[in-house]
Amino acid sequence: MEDFIIGVGAAAISGLTFIAYQHPELFEREFSAKITYISIGVILAAIFHDTGVSSAQHELAPFIKDGVGPAVKAALEKAKTNDYIYLASLGALFYGMFLSWLAKHVKAENRQGSH
């Protein structure tokens, strides 16, 4: 499954880079803002999720009996968002910003070349 996700990610990166370079107007119109919104949305959702898990851990602390505490703590730690989600979302955000810059740069070059 991991190989499949990596392959789909590589295909998405290649396809978006091609669109930003070859069709900058299409990229700016259809993809630029969406990449930003989705990346920020995933980051915020992960932050809110982790905040909820931490809050649950804090609220449950008085009710945890001896011997059960480590299991509950381990379960709550496992429930937290994987660091790779944050890394992938930030990577997508910054790569989307780069592609947006690339599309604007290509559009400017095309305008200068047509004069």
Protein backbone atom coordinates (compact mmCIF):
# COMPACT_ATOMS: atom_id res chain seq x y z
CA MET A 1 0.00 0.00 0.00
CA GLU A 2 2.86 2.33 0.83
CA ASP A 3 4.39 1.82 -2.64
CA PHE A 4 1.03 2.62 -4.22
CA ILE A 5 0.72 5.88 -2.26
CA ILE A 6 4.27 6.88 -3.20
CA GLY A 7 3.53 6.13 -6.86
CA VAL A 8 0.33 8.15 -6.84
CA GLY A 9 2.15 11.02 -5.12
CA ALA A 10 4.95 10.97 -7.69
CA ALA A 11 2.41 10.92 -10.53
CA ALA A 12 0.52 13.85 -8.98
CA ILE A 13 3.72 15.86 -8.55
CA SER A 14 4.77 15.16 -12.14
CA GLY A 15 1.35 15.98 -13.55
CA LEU A 16 0.97 19.21 -11.60
CA THR A 17 4.48 20.32 -12.55
CA PHE A 18 3.73 19.64 -16.23
CA ILE A 19 0.47 21.59 -16.05
CA ALA A 20 2.09 24.53 -14.22
CA TYR A 21 4.86 24.72 -16.82
CA GLN A 22 2.95 23.97 -20.02
CA HIS A 23 -0.46 25.44 -19.14
CA PRO A 24 0.11 28.12 -16.48
CA GLU A 25 -3.32 29.74 -16.91
CA LEU A 26 -5.04 26.39 -16.30
CA PHE A 27 -2.87 25.72 -13.25
CA GLU A 28 -3.59 29.12 -11.71
CA ARG A 29 -7.32 28.82 -12.42
CA GLU A 30 -7.90 25.20 -11.37
CA PHE A 31 -5.15 24.02 -9.03
CA SER A 32 -3.19 26.76 -7.27
CA ALA A 33 -5.77 27.85 -4.71
CA LYS A 34 -7.09 24.30 -4.21
CA ILE A 35 -3.66 22.95 -3.30
CA THR A 36 -3.26 25.73 -0.75
CA TYR A 37 -6.71 25.29 0.77
CA ILE A 38 -6.48 21.51 0.99
CA SER A 39 -2.98 21.61 2.51
CA ILE A 40 -3.96 24.18 5.12
CA GLY A 41 -7.19 22.27 5.83
CA VAL A 42 -5.32 19.02 6.46
CA ILE A 43 -2.82 20.78 8.73
CA LEU A 44 -5.60 22.46 10.73
CA ALA A 45 -7.59 19.22 10.97
CA ALA A 46 -4.51 17.40 12.28
CA ILE A 47 -3.84 20.15 14.82
CA PHE A 48 -7.45 20.10 16.04
CA HIS A 49 -7.38 16.29 16.22
CA ASP A 50 -4.17 16.27 18.25
CA THR A 51 -5.56 18.97 20.53
CA GLY A 52 -8.65 16.82 21.13
CA VAL A 53 -6.54 13.75 21.90
CA SER A 54 -4.40 15.76 24.34
CA SER A 55 -7.53 17.17 25.97
CA ALA A 56 -8.99 13.67 26.32
CA GLN A 57 -5.76 12.46 27.89
CA HIS A 58 -5.84 15.33 30.38
CA GLU A 59 -9.52 14.77 31.23
CA LEU A 60 -9.12 11.00 31.63
CA ALA A 61 -6.05 11.20 33.89
CA PRO A 62 -8.04 11.21 37.18
CA PHE A 63 -10.06 8.14 36.15
CA ILE A 64 -7.17 5.92 35.11
CA LYS A 65 -6.57 3.11 37.63
CA ASP A 66 -3.20 1.55 38.41
CA GLY A 67 -2.05 -0.87 35.76
CA VAL A 68 -4.38 0.58 33.12
CA GLY A 69 -2.58 3.89 32.83
CA PRO A 70 0.23 2.79 30.50
CA ALA A 71 -2.24 1.09 28.13
CA VAL A 72 -4.47 4.16 27.97
CA LYS A 73 -1.46 6.43 27.52
CA ALA A 74 -0.16 4.20 24.69
CA ALA A 75 -3.59 4.18 23.02
CA LEU A 76 -3.85 7.96 23.18
CA GLU A 77 -0.32 8.37 21.82
CA LYS A 78 -1.20 6.02 18.96
CA ALA A 79 -4.32 8.11 18.25
CA LYS A 80 -2.26 11.24 17.62
CA THR A 81 -1.64 12.30 14.04
CA ASN A 82 1.37 10.74 12.36
CA ASP A 83 4.19 13.24 11.83
CA TYR A 84 4.29 12.27 8.15
CA ILE A 85 0.86 13.86 7.70
CA TYR A 86 2.25 17.19 8.86
CA LEU A 87 5.35 16.79 6.72
CA ALA A 88 3.39 15.82 3.60
CA SER A 89 0.89 18.66 4.07
CA LEU A 90 3.62 21.25 4.56
CA GLY A 91 5.49 19.83 1.58
CA ALA A 92 2.38 20.05 -0.58
CA LEU A 93 1.76 23.62 0.58
CA PHE A 94 5.29 24.78 -0.22
CA TYR A 95 5.42 22.84 -3.49
CA GLY A 96 2.08 24.36 -4.47
CA MET A 97 3.51 27.80 -3.73
CA PHE A 98 6.53 27.00 -5.90
CA LEU A 99 4.31 25.80 -8.76
CA SER A 100 2.22 28.95 -8.46
CA TRP A 101 5.40 31.02 -8.74
CA LEU A 102 6.48 28.90 -11.72
CA ALA A 103 3.15 29.38 -13.50
CA LYS A 104 3.27 33.15 -12.97
CA HIS A 105 6.88 33.23 -14.17
CA VAL A 106 6.05 31.22 -17.31
CA LYS A 107 3.05 33.49 -18.04
CA ALA A 108 5.27 36.57 -17.70
CA GLU A 109 7.90 35.03 -19.99
CA ASN A 110 5.22 34.15 -22.56
CA ARG A 111 3.94 37.74 -22.51
CA GLN A 112 7.47 39.15 -22.97
CA GLY A 113 8.20 36.70 -25.77
CA SER A 114 5.04 37.66 -27.66
CA HIS A 115 5.91 41.36 -27.79
